Amino acid sequence: MRAVITGGSSETGQILMENIDLDWVPVDRTHGYTLPDDVDRLVEQLESADLFFNVANLGTLQSDFLALAWNTWNNMKPSTPKKIINFGSLITEIEMQTTLERNNFTYFDRSRERTDYKAEKLLLHKTHDEYKHLHLQGWANDYVMPQTILIKFGNILYKNIRSEEPFTSAEQLLDVVEYAINAKSYISDFEVRWD
């Protein structure tokens, strides 16, 4: 299968590309793409792909890329499922007061706890829900509508701030992503917590 990935040079992207046997097409600065400037090149790559890994956190562009991939594939009216795997965050489940308390009421130490990051991930979740419902409404179509899958992780990989908290290991990351790729049923939402 051919897979397009944004954020392929990130730690998460590298783990995916090194451990999952797919024909990878990384779309990021390291590989000669500048997003959103090269969005037309992204669409060209999507047209011949089966999977889209929406990893890169580029403001609200992650939500835009979900919509772009879904509509590109839906307009092609494929006969086999194409999957958009979006990387969200469990930070959207944590109340702001709790986040403030965890940071001793100072401005947040980690960019992923700042309001804009949380808002971007909430927008991704909302966009995912909209396209998930479109898919469910189209069950009687004569083609297979794209599947949007949202995987919400907790802390991913090693962290040096508040290191006493649990985190998602590379093994757990791969386990859930491989399950999402290979599932015969359309499972739209995953929340990954720790053993």
C-alpha atoms as a PDB file:
ATOM      1  CA  MET A   1       0.000   0.000   0.000  1.00  0.00           C
ATOM      2  CA  ARG A   2       1.097   3.550  -0.708  1.00  0.00           C
ATOM      3  CA  ALA A   3       0.996   5.969   2.243  1.00  0.00           C
ATOM      4  CA  VAL A   4       1.386   9.750   2.303  1.00  0.00           C
ATOM      5  CA  ILE A   5       2.553  11.193   5.623  1.00  0.00           C
ATOM      6  CA  THR A   6       2.879  14.750   6.842  1.00  0.00           C
ATOM      7  CA  GLY A   7       5.405  15.122   9.632  1.00  0.00           C
ATOM      8  CA  GLY A   8       7.503  12.220   8.397  1.00  0.00           C
ATOM      9  CA  SER A   9      10.672  13.725   9.852  1.00  0.00           C
ATOM     10  CA  SER A  10       9.135  14.066  13.344  1.00  0.00           C
ATOM     11  CA  GLU A  11       9.949  11.429  15.941  1.00  0.00           C
ATOM     12  CA  THR A  12       6.487   9.898  15.536  1.00  0.00           C
ATOM     13  CA  GLY A  13       6.730   9.955  11.741  1.00  0.00           C
ATOM     14  CA  GLN A  14      10.145   8.300  11.779  1.00  0.00           C
ATOM     15  CA  ILE A  15       8.916   5.506  14.057  1.00  0.00           C
ATOM     16  CA  LEU A  16       5.988   4.840  11.719  1.00  0.00           C
ATOM     17  CA  MET A  17       8.084   4.873   8.531  1.00  0.00           C
ATOM     18  CA  GLU A  18      10.853   2.695  10.009  1.00  0.00           C
ATOM     19  CA  ASN A  19       8.530   0.049  11.448  1.00  0.00           C
ATOM     20  CA  ILE A  20       5.489  -0.253   9.191  1.00  0.00           C
ATOM     21  CA  ASP A  21       6.095  -1.794   5.781  1.00  0.00           C
ATOM     22  CA  LEU A  22       4.394   0.612   3.368  1.00  0.00           C
ATOM     23  CA  ASP A  23       5.415   2.544   0.265  1.00  0.00           C
ATOM     24  CA  TRP A  24       5.947   5.820   2.158  1.00  0.00           C
ATOM     25  CA  VAL A  25       5.694   9.296   0.623  1.00  0.00           C
ATOM     26  CA  PRO A  26       6.809  11.834   3.259  1.00  0.00           C
ATOM     27  CA  VAL A  27       5.459  15.330   2.689  1.00  0.00           C
ATOM     28  CA  ASP A  28       7.491  17.744   4.819  1.00  0.00           C
ATOM     29  CA  ARG A  29      10.334  20.259   4.611  1.00  0.00           C
ATOM     30  CA  THR A  30      12.994  17.581   4.973  1.00  0.00           C
ATOM     31  CA  HIS A  31      11.647  15.919   1.827  1.00  0.00           C
ATOM     32  CA  GLY A  32      11.271  19.085  -0.268  1.00  0.00           C
ATOM     33  CA  TYR A  33       7.723  20.200   0.616  1.00  0.00           C
ATOM     34  CA  THR A  34       6.690  23.456   2.235  1.00  0.00           C
ATOM     35  CA  LEU A  35       3.134  23.366   3.494  1.00  0.00           C
ATOM     36  CA  PRO A  36       0.710  24.970   2.843  1.00  0.00           C
ATOM     37  CA  ASP A  37       2.536  26.322  -0.233  1.00  0.00           C
ATOM     38  CA  ASP A  38       2.878  22.859  -1.778  1.00  0.00           C
ATOM     39  CA  VAL A  39      -0.699  21.728  -1.148  1.00  0.00           C
ATOM     40  CA  ASP A  40      -1.172  20.945  -4.859  1.00  0.00           C
ATOM     41  CA  ARG A  41       1.780  18.544  -4.688  1.00  0.00           C
ATOM     42  CA  LEU A  42       0.197  16.962  -1.593  1.00  0.00           C
ATOM     43  CA  VAL A  43      -3.032  16.384  -3.567  1.00  0.00           C
ATOM     44  CA  GLU A  44      -1.025  14.803  -6.418  1.00  0.00           C
ATOM     45  CA  GLN A  45       0.523  12.349  -3.965  1.00  0.00           C
ATOM     46  CA  LEU A  46      -2.852  11.569  -2.374  1.00  0.00           C
ATOM     47  CA  GLU A  47      -4.423  10.667  -5.727  1.00  0.00           C
ATOM     48  CA  SER A  48      -2.340   7.488  -5.965  1.00  0.00           C
ATOM     49  CA  ALA A  49      -2.257   6.659  -2.222  1.00  0.00           C
ATOM     50  CA  ASP A  50      -4.306   4.299  -0.063  1.00  0.00           C
ATOM     51  CA  LEU A  51      -3.469   5.808   3.329  1.00  0.00           C
ATOM     52  CA  PHE A  52      -2.878   9.328   4.619  1.00  0.00           C
ATOM     53  CA  PHE A  53      -1.099   9.807   7.938  1.00  0.00           C
ATOM     54  CA  ASN A  54      -2.028  13.282   9.189  1.00  0.00           C
ATOM     55  CA  VAL A  55       0.775  13.683  11.747  1.00  0.00           C
ATOM     56  CA  ALA A  56       2.214  17.199  11.325  1.00  0.00           C
ATOM     57  CA  ASN A  57       0.868  19.771  13.736  1.00  0.00           C
ATOM     58  CA  LEU A  58       0.821  22.950  11.650  1.00  0.00           C
ATOM     59  CA  GLY A  59      -1.774  25.111  13.346  1.00  0.00           C
ATOM     60  CA  THR A  60      -5.204  24.483  11.847  1.00  0.00           C
ATOM     61  CA  LEU A  61      -3.690  22.904   8.721  1.00  0.00           C
ATOM     62  CA  GLN A  62      -4.062  19.417  10.193  1.00  0.00           C
ATOM     63  CA  SER A  63      -7.848  19.881  10.021  1.00  0.00           C
ATOM     64  CA  ASP A  64      -7.562  21.345   6.526  1.00  0.00           C
ATOM     65  CA  PHE A  65      -5.488  18.361   5.353  1.00  0.00           C
ATOM     66  CA  LEU A  66      -8.092  15.922   6.715  1.00  0.00           C
ATOM     67  CA  ALA A  67     -10.809  17.707   4.683  1.00  0.00           C
ATOM     68  CA  LEU A  68      -8.558  17.897   1.627  1.00  0.00           C
ATOM     69  CA  ALA A  69      -7.705  14.182   1.684  1.00  0.00           C
ATOM     70  CA  TRP A  70     -11.296  13.105   2.359  1.00  0.00           C
ATOM     71  CA  ASN A  71     -12.723  15.194  -0.477  1.00  0.00           C
ATOM     72  CA  THR A  72      -9.941  14.238  -2.903  1.00  0.00           C
ATOM     73  CA  TRP A  73     -10.619  10.552  -2.338  1.00  0.00           C
ATOM     74  CA  ASN A  74     -14.403  10.854  -2.138  1.00  0.00           C
ATOM     75  CA  ASN A  75     -14.467  12.575  -5.544  1.00  0.00           C
ATOM     76  CA  MET A  76     -12.474   9.652  -6.982  1.00  0.00           C
ATOM     77  CA  LYS A  77     -15.247   7.222  -5.860  1.00  0.00           C
ATOM     78  CA  PRO A  78     -12.873   4.394  -4.886  1.00  0.00           C
ATOM     79  CA  SER A  79     -13.887   0.738  -4.773  1.00  0.00           C
ATOM     80  CA  THR A  80     -11.634  -0.042  -1.789  1.00  0.00           C
ATOM     81  CA  PRO A  81     -11.413   1.832   1.524  1.00  0.00           C
ATOM     82  CA  LYS A  82      -8.925   4.679   1.802  1.00  0.00           C
ATOM     83  CA  LYS A  83      -8.004   5.659   5.346  1.00  0.00           C
ATOM     84  CA  ILE A  84      -7.035   9.017   6.816  1.00  0.00           C
ATOM     85  CA  ILE A  85      -5.270   8.431  10.126  1.00  0.00           C
ATOM     86  CA  ASN A  86      -5.238  11.623  12.181  1.00  0.00           C
ATOM     87  CA  PHE A  87      -3.042  12.142  15.219  1.00  0.00           C
ATOM     88  CA  GLY A  88      -4.969  13.972  17.931  1.00  0.00           C
ATOM     89  CA  SER A  89      -4.288  14.387  21.625  1.00  0.00           C
ATOM     90  CA  LEU A  90      -5.865  13.466  24.947  1.00  0.00           C
ATOM     91  CA  ILE A  91      -5.035  17.031  26.089  1.00  0.00           C
ATOM     92  CA  THR A  92      -8.483  17.879  24.706  1.00  0.00           C
ATOM     93  CA  GLU A  93      -9.987  15.728  27.479  1.00  0.00           C
ATOM     94  CA  ILE A  94      -8.216  17.600  30.306  1.00  0.00           C
ATOM     95  CA  GLU A  95      -9.929  20.596  31.861  1.00  0.00           C
ATOM     96  CA  MET A  96      -8.084  23.914  31.756  1.00  0.00           C
ATOM     97  CA  GLN A  97      -8.071  24.189  35.568  1.00  0.00           C
ATOM     98  CA  THR A  98      -6.326  20.819  35.828  1.00  0.00           C
ATOM     99  CA  THR A  99      -3.727  21.915  33.287  1.00  0.00           C
ATOM    100  CA  LEU A 100      -3.093  25.117  35.263  1.00  0.00           C
ATOM    101  CA  GLU A 101      -2.742  23.182  38.510  1.00  0.00           C
ATOM    102  CA  ARG A 102      -0.267  20.742  36.929  1.00  0.00           C
ATOM    103  CA  ASN A 103       1.854  23.748  35.919  1.00  0.00           C
ATOM    104  CA  ASN A 104       1.727  25.419  39.357  1.00  0.00           C
ATOM    105  CA  PHE A 105      -0.436  28.191  37.898  1.00  0.00           C
ATOM    106  CA  THR A 106       2.409  29.497  35.770  1.00  0.00           C
ATOM    107  CA  TYR A 107       2.202  29.893  32.015  1.00  0.00           C
ATOM    108  CA  PHE A 108       2.388  26.436  30.542  1.00  0.00           C
ATOM    109  CA  ASP A 109       5.843  24.892  30.300  1.00  0.00           C
ATOM    110  CA  ARG A 110       5.003  22.792  27.278  1.00  0.00           C
ATOM    111  CA  SER A 111       3.704  24.090  23.978  1.00  0.00           C
ATOM    112  CA  ARG A 112       1.241  21.207  23.831  1.00  0.00           C
ATOM    113  CA  GLU A 113      -0.597  22.541  26.858  1.00  0.00           C
ATOM    114  CA  ARG A 114      -1.062  26.041  25.532  1.00  0.00           C
ATOM    115  CA  THR A 115      -4.527  27.102  24.524  1.00  0.00           C
ATOM    116  CA  ASP A 116      -3.755  27.340  20.796  1.00  0.00           C
ATOM    117  CA  TYR A 117      -2.501  23.723  20.652  1.00  0.00           C
ATOM    118  CA  LYS A 118      -5.561  22.522  22.529  1.00  0.00           C
ATOM    119  CA  ALA A 119      -7.839  24.552  20.217  1.00  0.00           C
ATOM    120  CA  GLU A 120      -6.118  23.123  17.118  1.00  0.00           C
ATOM    121  CA  LYS A 121      -6.632  19.566  18.370  1.00  0.00           C
ATOM    122  CA  LEU A 122     -10.264  20.310  19.254  1.00  0.00           C
ATOM    123  CA  LEU A 123     -10.786  21.600  15.698  1.00  0.00           C
ATOM    124  CA  LEU A 124      -9.201  18.401  14.347  1.00  0.00           C
ATOM    125  CA  HIS A 125     -11.604  16.356  16.489  1.00  0.00           C
ATOM    126  CA  LYS A 126     -14.610  18.387  15.249  1.00  0.00           C
ATOM    127  CA  THR A 127     -13.519  18.114  11.607  1.00  0.00           C
ATOM    128  CA  HIS A 128     -13.000  14.362  12.054  1.00  0.00           C
ATOM    129  CA  ASP A 129     -16.507  14.007  13.513  1.00  0.00           C
ATOM    130  CA  GLU A 130     -18.044  15.859  10.562  1.00  0.00           C
ATOM    131  CA  TYR A 131     -16.368  13.615   7.977  1.00  0.00           C
ATOM    132  CA  LYS A 132     -17.033  10.490  10.024  1.00  0.00           C
ATOM    133  CA  HIS A 133     -20.752  11.334   9.913  1.00  0.00           C
ATOM    134  CA  LEU A 134     -20.602  11.968   6.154  1.00  0.00           C
ATOM    135  CA  HIS A 135     -19.096   8.507   5.757  1.00  0.00           C
ATOM    136  CA  LEU A 136     -21.832   6.937   7.863  1.00  0.00           C
ATOM    137  CA  GLN A 137     -24.540   8.738   5.850  1.00  0.00           C
ATOM    138  CA  GLY A 138     -23.109   7.391   2.602  1.00  0.00           C
ATOM    139  CA  TRP A 139     -23.388   3.695   3.427  1.00  0.00           C
ATOM    140  CA  ALA A 140     -25.669   3.073   0.426  1.00  0.00           C
ATOM    141  CA  ASN A 141     -23.335   4.640  -2.157  1.00  0.00           C
ATOM    142  CA  ASP A 142     -22.066   2.505  -5.009  1.00  0.00           C
ATOM    143  CA  TYR A 143     -18.485   3.279  -3.954  1.00  0.00           C
ATOM    144  CA  VAL A 144     -16.538   3.216  -0.685  1.00  0.00           C
ATOM    145  CA  MET A 145     -16.305   6.561   1.052  1.00  0.00           C
ATOM    146  CA  PRO A 146     -13.002   7.473   2.766  1.00  0.00           C
ATOM    147  CA  GLN A 147     -12.586   6.567   6.419  1.00  0.00           C
ATOM    148  CA  THR A 148     -11.309   9.201   8.826  1.00  0.00           C
ATOM    149  CA  ILE A 149      -9.722   7.714  11.925  1.00  0.00           C
ATOM    150  CA  LEU A 150      -8.771   9.831  14.935  1.00  0.00           C
ATOM    151  CA  ILE A 151      -6.155   8.455  17.306  1.00  0.00           C
ATOM    152  CA  LYS A 152      -5.890  10.498  20.482  1.00  0.00           C
ATOM    153  CA  PHE A 153      -2.671   9.773  22.338  1.00  0.00           C
ATOM    154  CA  GLY A 154      -1.522  10.853  25.745  1.00  0.00           C
ATOM    155  CA  ASN A 155       2.091  11.860  26.145  1.00  0.00           C
ATOM    156  CA  ILE A 156       3.943  10.320  23.205  1.00  0.00           C
ATOM    157  CA  LEU A 157       7.423   8.923  23.750  1.00  0.00           C
ATOM    158  CA  TYR A 158       9.918  10.290  26.250  1.00  0.00           C
ATOM    159  CA  LYS A 159       9.278  13.577  27.991  1.00  0.00           C
ATOM    160  CA  ASN A 160      11.550  15.573  30.248  1.00  0.00           C
ATOM    161  CA  ILE A 161       8.928  17.809  31.882  1.00  0.00           C
ATOM    162  CA  ARG A 162       6.794  16.038  34.501  1.00  0.00           C
ATOM    163  CA  SER A 163       8.534  12.784  33.624  1.00  0.00           C
ATOM    164  CA  GLU A 164       6.663  11.019  36.443  1.00  0.00           C
ATOM    165  CA  GLU A 165       3.571  10.940  34.230  1.00  0.00           C
ATOM    166  CA  PRO A 166       2.912   7.906  32.035  1.00  0.00           C
ATOM    167  CA  PHE A 167       3.610   8.150  28.322  1.00  0.00           C
ATOM    168  CA  THR A 168       2.869   6.227  25.144  1.00  0.00           C
ATOM    169  CA  SER A 169       5.838   4.108  24.068  1.00  0.00           C
ATOM    170  CA  ALA A 170       6.895   3.483  20.474  1.00  0.00           C
ATOM    171  CA  GLU A 171       5.563  -0.066  20.824  1.00  0.00           C
ATOM    172  CA  GLN A 172       2.119   1.157  21.929  1.00  0.00           C
ATOM    173  CA  LEU A 173       2.086   3.773  19.154  1.00  0.00           C
ATOM    174  CA  LEU A 174       2.810   1.126  16.524  1.00  0.00           C
ATOM    175  CA  ASP A 175       0.307  -1.314  18.015  1.00  0.00           C
ATOM    176  CA  VAL A 176      -2.655   1.047  17.686  1.00  0.00           C
ATOM    177  CA  VAL A 177      -1.621   2.423  14.276  1.00  0.00           C
ATOM    178  CA  GLU A 178      -1.191  -1.069  12.814  1.00  0.00           C
ATOM    179  CA  TYR A 179      -4.578  -2.029  14.227  1.00  0.00           C
ATOM    180  CA  ALA A 180      -6.167   1.034  12.587  1.00  0.00           C
ATOM    181  CA  ILE A 181      -4.552   0.183   9.245  1.00  0.00           C
ATOM    182  CA  ASN A 182      -5.524  -3.486   9.274  1.00  0.00           C
ATOM    183  CA  ALA A 183      -8.969  -3.394  10.890  1.00  0.00           C
ATOM    184  CA  LYS A 184     -11.571  -4.952   8.621  1.00  0.00           C
ATOM    185  CA  SER A 185     -14.310  -2.837  10.186  1.00  0.00           C
ATOM    186  CA  TYR A 186     -14.388   0.955  10.187  1.00  0.00           C
ATOM    187  CA  ILE A 187     -13.280   1.927  13.686  1.00  0.00           C
ATOM    188  CA  SER A 188     -13.283   5.713  13.705  1.00  0.00           C
ATOM    189  CA  ASP A 189     -11.957   6.668  17.137  1.00  0.00           C
ATOM    190  CA  PHE A 190      -9.135   5.464  19.379  1.00  0.00           C
ATOM    191  CA  GLU A 191      -8.095   6.908  22.746  1.00  0.00           C
ATOM    192  CA  VAL A 192      -4.724   5.494  23.737  1.00  0.00           C
ATOM    193  CA  ARG A 193      -3.990   5.282  27.429  1.00  0.00           C
ATOM    194  CA  TRP A 194      -1.431   3.276  29.344  1.00  0.00           C
ATOM    195  CA  ASP A 195      -1.410  -0.282  30.685  1.00  0.00           C
END
